[in-house]
């Protein structure tokens, strides 16, 4: 389930160069080269067109606050999910694990549902160009993953 603020889906866009923007979107589609992100700050609100190919991932979050001190506990058996079990390591070293039904290396990216039901990320759109390693998981043991992703 992805959380909506009433003004759109809550997302955190992370660029491959480390830049981060938080906001809402109404028009994200994995097959389109761009989407719009509405941001708010003390200076006011603005809407930006975001190029998908420059991103590392789009994190669809439950809240913008999150808990940066929390370490994800990726346990596939303790989390209900559909699709194949996968561990993704980004080019910057961040790792995230979850379930996917739509991975295709020929597409711009794929959706991943985190294998930690308490994660702040409801789902993540992973940009294939930002992936260093993708590993399919079999078996039932919890995954000890350092530097796990939180979106924020």
C-alpha atoms as a PDB file:
ATOM      1  CA  UNK A   1       0.000   0.000   0.000  1.00  0.00           C
ATOM      2  CA  UNK A   2       1.351   3.395  -0.936  1.00  0.00           C
ATOM      3  CA  UNK A   3       0.458   6.357   1.199  1.00  0.00           C
ATOM      4  CA  UNK A   4      -1.208   9.378  -0.291  1.00  0.00           C
ATOM      5  CA  UNK A   5      -1.246  12.819   1.252  1.00  0.00           C
ATOM      6  CA  UNK A   6      -4.493  13.765  -0.470  1.00  0.00           C
ATOM      7  CA  UNK A   7      -2.249  15.820  -2.738  1.00  0.00           C
ATOM      8  CA  UNK A   8      -0.589  12.823  -4.365  1.00  0.00           C
ATOM      9  CA  UNK A   9       1.638   9.884  -3.557  1.00  0.00           C
ATOM     10  CA  UNK A  10       4.421  10.575  -1.041  1.00  0.00           C
ATOM     11  CA  UNK A  11       7.765   9.980  -2.741  1.00  0.00           C
ATOM     12  CA  UNK A  12      11.454  10.508  -2.155  1.00  0.00           C
ATOM     13  CA  UNK A  13      13.443  10.797  -5.361  1.00  0.00           C
ATOM     14  CA  UNK A  14      17.115   9.856  -5.065  1.00  0.00           C
ATOM     15  CA  UNK A  15      19.485  10.718  -7.887  1.00  0.00           C
ATOM     16  CA  UNK A  16      22.487   8.619  -8.830  1.00  0.00           C
ATOM     17  CA  UNK A  17      24.677  11.593  -7.827  1.00  0.00           C
ATOM     18  CA  UNK A  18      23.248  11.625  -4.276  1.00  0.00           C
ATOM     19  CA  UNK A  19      20.736  14.471  -4.602  1.00  0.00           C
ATOM     20  CA  UNK A  20      17.445  13.881  -2.749  1.00  0.00           C
ATOM     21  CA  UNK A  21      14.046  15.532  -3.130  1.00  0.00           C
ATOM     22  CA  UNK A  22      10.875  14.820  -1.163  1.00  0.00           C
ATOM     23  CA  UNK A  23       7.426  15.575  -2.480  1.00  0.00           C
ATOM     24  CA  UNK A  24       4.277  14.207  -4.008  1.00  0.00           C
ATOM     25  CA  UNK A  25       3.437  12.923  -7.454  1.00  0.00           C
ATOM     26  CA  UNK A  26       0.267  12.280  -9.421  1.00  0.00           C
ATOM     27  CA  UNK A  27       1.806  11.054 -12.642  1.00  0.00           C
ATOM     28  CA  UNK A  28       4.606   8.566 -12.000  1.00  0.00           C
ATOM     29  CA  UNK A  29       4.631   5.795 -14.593  1.00  0.00           C
ATOM     30  CA  UNK A  30       7.547   3.388 -15.066  1.00  0.00           C
ATOM     31  CA  UNK A  31       7.202   3.530 -18.835  1.00  0.00           C
ATOM     32  CA  UNK A  32       7.450   7.316 -19.097  1.00  0.00           C
ATOM     33  CA  UNK A  33      10.831   9.102 -19.204  1.00  0.00           C
ATOM     34  CA  UNK A  34       9.756  11.816 -16.718  1.00  0.00           C
ATOM     35  CA  UNK A  35       7.298  12.483 -13.910  1.00  0.00           C
ATOM     36  CA  UNK A  36       6.341  15.546 -11.885  1.00  0.00           C
ATOM     37  CA  UNK A  37       7.316  16.048  -8.260  1.00  0.00           C
ATOM     38  CA  UNK A  38       5.596  18.734  -6.182  1.00  0.00           C
ATOM     39  CA  UNK A  39       7.825  19.945  -3.350  1.00  0.00           C
ATOM     40  CA  UNK A  40       7.151  22.263  -0.402  1.00  0.00           C
ATOM     41  CA  UNK A  41       9.514  24.401   1.588  1.00  0.00           C
ATOM     42  CA  UNK A  42       9.463  27.589   3.608  1.00  0.00           C
ATOM     43  CA  UNK A  43      10.019  29.444   0.342  1.00  0.00           C
ATOM     44  CA  UNK A  44       6.820  27.965  -1.096  1.00  0.00           C
ATOM     45  CA  UNK A  45       5.838  25.086  -3.308  1.00  0.00           C
ATOM     46  CA  UNK A  46       7.053  24.168  -6.758  1.00  0.00           C
ATOM     47  CA  UNK A  47       6.572  21.383  -9.265  1.00  0.00           C
ATOM     48  CA  UNK A  48       9.582  19.914 -11.030  1.00  0.00           C
ATOM     49  CA  UNK A  49       9.834  17.593 -13.998  1.00  0.00           C
ATOM     50  CA  UNK A  50      12.090  14.701 -12.944  1.00  0.00           C
ATOM     51  CA  UNK A  51      14.014  12.645 -15.542  1.00  0.00           C
ATOM     52  CA  UNK A  52      13.773   8.988 -14.570  1.00  0.00           C
ATOM     53  CA  UNK A  53      17.107   8.007 -16.156  1.00  0.00           C
ATOM     54  CA  UNK A  54      19.067  10.295 -13.767  1.00  0.00           C
ATOM     55  CA  UNK A  55      17.609   8.653 -10.663  1.00  0.00           C
ATOM     56  CA  UNK A  56      18.786   5.815  -8.485  1.00  0.00           C
ATOM     57  CA  UNK A  57      15.276   5.040  -7.266  1.00  0.00           C
ATOM     58  CA  UNK A  58      11.891   6.502  -6.413  1.00  0.00           C
ATOM     59  CA  UNK A  59      10.876   5.566  -2.871  1.00  0.00           C
ATOM     60  CA  UNK A  60       7.102   5.562  -2.302  1.00  0.00           C
ATOM     61  CA  UNK A  61       7.042   6.206   1.441  1.00  0.00           C
ATOM     62  CA  UNK A  62       4.579   5.955   4.297  1.00  0.00           C
ATOM     63  CA  UNK A  63       5.840   9.226   5.781  1.00  0.00           C
ATOM     64  CA  UNK A  64       8.592  11.765   5.157  1.00  0.00           C
ATOM     65  CA  UNK A  65       9.811  11.521   8.741  1.00  0.00           C
ATOM     66  CA  UNK A  66      11.002   7.905   8.659  1.00  0.00           C
ATOM     67  CA  UNK A  67      13.667   6.709  11.099  1.00  0.00           C
ATOM     68  CA  UNK A  68      17.216   7.068   9.811  1.00  0.00           C
ATOM     69  CA  UNK A  69      18.513   5.114  12.840  1.00  0.00           C
ATOM     70  CA  UNK A  70      16.324   2.085  12.123  1.00  0.00           C
ATOM     71  CA  UNK A  71      17.976  -0.835  10.370  1.00  0.00           C
ATOM     72  CA  UNK A  72      15.767  -2.785   8.007  1.00  0.00           C
ATOM     73  CA  UNK A  73      15.198  -6.422   8.876  1.00  0.00           C
ATOM     74  CA  UNK A  74      14.726  -8.244   5.636  1.00  0.00           C
ATOM     75  CA  UNK A  75      13.040 -11.529   6.450  1.00  0.00           C
ATOM     76  CA  UNK A  76      11.196 -12.901   3.462  1.00  0.00           C
ATOM     77  CA  UNK A  77       9.277 -15.490   5.495  1.00  0.00           C
ATOM     78  CA  UNK A  78       8.043 -12.967   8.069  1.00  0.00           C
ATOM     79  CA  UNK A  79       6.764 -10.641   5.338  1.00  0.00           C
ATOM     80  CA  UNK A  80       3.950 -11.377   2.954  1.00  0.00           C
ATOM     81  CA  UNK A  81       4.809 -10.576  -0.604  1.00  0.00           C
ATOM     82  CA  UNK A  82       4.182 -11.720  -4.105  1.00  0.00           C
ATOM     83  CA  UNK A  83       6.768 -12.292  -6.758  1.00  0.00           C
ATOM     84  CA  UNK A  84      10.390 -13.289  -6.782  1.00  0.00           C
ATOM     85  CA  UNK A  85      12.663 -12.602  -3.817  1.00  0.00           C
ATOM     86  CA  UNK A  86      15.500 -10.273  -4.713  1.00  0.00           C
ATOM     87  CA  UNK A  87      18.378  -8.399  -3.109  1.00  0.00           C
ATOM     88  CA  UNK A  88      19.448  -5.246  -4.947  1.00  0.00           C
ATOM     89  CA  UNK A  89      22.753  -3.486  -4.401  1.00  0.00           C
ATOM     90  CA  UNK A  90      22.930  -0.006  -5.889  1.00  0.00           C
ATOM     91  CA  UNK A  91      26.075   1.480  -7.422  1.00  0.00           C
ATOM     92  CA  UNK A  92      26.528   3.603  -4.262  1.00  0.00           C
ATOM     93  CA  UNK A  93      26.601   0.462  -2.070  1.00  0.00           C
ATOM     94  CA  UNK A  94      23.108   0.766  -0.578  1.00  0.00           C
ATOM     95  CA  UNK A  95      21.267  -2.555  -0.423  1.00  0.00           C
ATOM     96  CA  UNK A  96      17.552  -3.296  -0.314  1.00  0.00           C
ATOM     97  CA  UNK A  97      15.673  -6.590  -0.401  1.00  0.00           C
ATOM     98  CA  UNK A  98      12.142  -7.411  -1.370  1.00  0.00           C
ATOM     99  CA  UNK A  99       9.723  -8.915  -3.817  1.00  0.00           C
ATOM    100  CA  UNK A 100       9.263  -8.082  -7.490  1.00  0.00           C
ATOM    101  CA  UNK A 101       6.962  -9.304 -10.231  1.00  0.00           C
ATOM    102  CA  UNK A 102       8.161  -7.004 -12.960  1.00  0.00           C
ATOM    103  CA  UNK A 103      11.923  -7.243 -13.340  1.00  0.00           C
ATOM    104  CA  UNK A 104      13.167  -6.955 -16.902  1.00  0.00           C
ATOM    105  CA  UNK A 105      16.730  -5.752 -17.555  1.00  0.00           C
ATOM    106  CA  UNK A 106      15.573  -4.234 -20.858  1.00  0.00           C
ATOM    107  CA  UNK A 107      13.183  -1.819 -19.116  1.00  0.00           C
ATOM    108  CA  UNK A 108      14.161   1.380 -17.286  1.00  0.00           C
ATOM    109  CA  UNK A 109      13.441  -0.202 -13.897  1.00  0.00           C
ATOM    110  CA  UNK A 110      11.120  -2.278 -11.745  1.00  0.00           C
ATOM    111  CA  UNK A 111       9.000  -2.072  -8.608  1.00  0.00           C
ATOM    112  CA  UNK A 112      10.172  -3.741  -5.411  1.00  0.00           C
ATOM    113  CA  UNK A 113       8.092  -4.311  -2.272  1.00  0.00           C
ATOM    114  CA  UNK A 114      10.460  -4.322   0.757  1.00  0.00           C
ATOM    115  CA  UNK A 115      10.823  -7.609   2.645  1.00  0.00           C
ATOM    116  CA  UNK A 116      10.520  -5.670   5.907  1.00  0.00           C
ATOM    117  CA  UNK A 117       6.860  -4.987   6.658  1.00  0.00           C
ATOM    118  CA  UNK A 118       7.850  -2.211   9.092  1.00  0.00           C
ATOM    119  CA  UNK A 119       9.974  -0.388   6.524  1.00  0.00           C
ATOM    120  CA  UNK A 120       9.017   3.219   5.783  1.00  0.00           C
ATOM    121  CA  UNK A 121       9.053   2.361   2.082  1.00  0.00           C
ATOM    122  CA  UNK A 122       5.734   1.048   0.848  1.00  0.00           C
ATOM    123  CA  UNK A 123       7.384   0.241  -2.486  1.00  0.00           C
ATOM    124  CA  UNK A 124      10.437   1.302  -4.445  1.00  0.00           C
ATOM    125  CA  UNK A 125      10.901   1.880  -8.151  1.00  0.00           C
ATOM    126  CA  UNK A 126      14.480   0.771  -8.771  1.00  0.00           C
ATOM    127  CA  UNK A 127      16.194   2.314 -11.820  1.00  0.00           C
ATOM    128  CA  UNK A 128      18.149  -0.468 -13.552  1.00  0.00           C
ATOM    129  CA  UNK A 129      21.021   1.861 -14.530  1.00  0.00           C
ATOM    130  CA  UNK A 130      21.739   2.445 -10.809  1.00  0.00           C
ATOM    131  CA  UNK A 131      21.994  -1.264  -9.915  1.00  0.00           C
ATOM    132  CA  UNK A 132      25.432  -2.781  -9.312  1.00  0.00           C
ATOM    133  CA  UNK A 133      24.168  -6.246  -8.402  1.00  0.00           C
ATOM    134  CA  UNK A 134      20.849  -8.063  -8.398  1.00  0.00           C
ATOM    135  CA  UNK A 135      20.623 -11.428  -6.638  1.00  0.00           C
ATOM    136  CA  UNK A 136      17.645 -13.766  -6.680  1.00  0.00           C
ATOM    137  CA  UNK A 137      17.053 -15.329  -3.269  1.00  0.00           C
ATOM    138  CA  UNK A 138      15.970 -18.858  -2.488  1.00  0.00           C
ATOM    139  CA  UNK A 139      15.592 -20.324   0.974  1.00  0.00           C
ATOM    140  CA  UNK A 140      14.041 -19.094   4.169  1.00  0.00           C
ATOM    141  CA  UNK A 141      16.678 -17.416   6.335  1.00  0.00           C
ATOM    142  CA  UNK A 142      16.541 -13.722   7.294  1.00  0.00           C
ATOM    143  CA  UNK A 143      19.069 -11.667   5.363  1.00  0.00           C
ATOM    144  CA  UNK A 144      21.781  -9.835   7.287  1.00  0.00           C
ATOM    145  CA  UNK A 145      22.171  -6.763   5.114  1.00  0.00           C
ATOM    146  CA  UNK A 146      24.303  -3.813   6.073  1.00  0.00           C
ATOM    147  CA  UNK A 147      23.736  -0.304   4.703  1.00  0.00           C
ATOM    148  CA  UNK A 148      20.099  -1.100   4.070  1.00  0.00           C
ATOM    149  CA  UNK A 149      17.896   1.412   2.309  1.00  0.00           C
ATOM    150  CA  UNK A 150      15.187   3.441   3.981  1.00  0.00           C
ATOM    151  CA  UNK A 151      14.264   5.945   1.299  1.00  0.00           C
ATOM    152  CA  UNK A 152      15.221   8.444   3.951  1.00  0.00           C
END
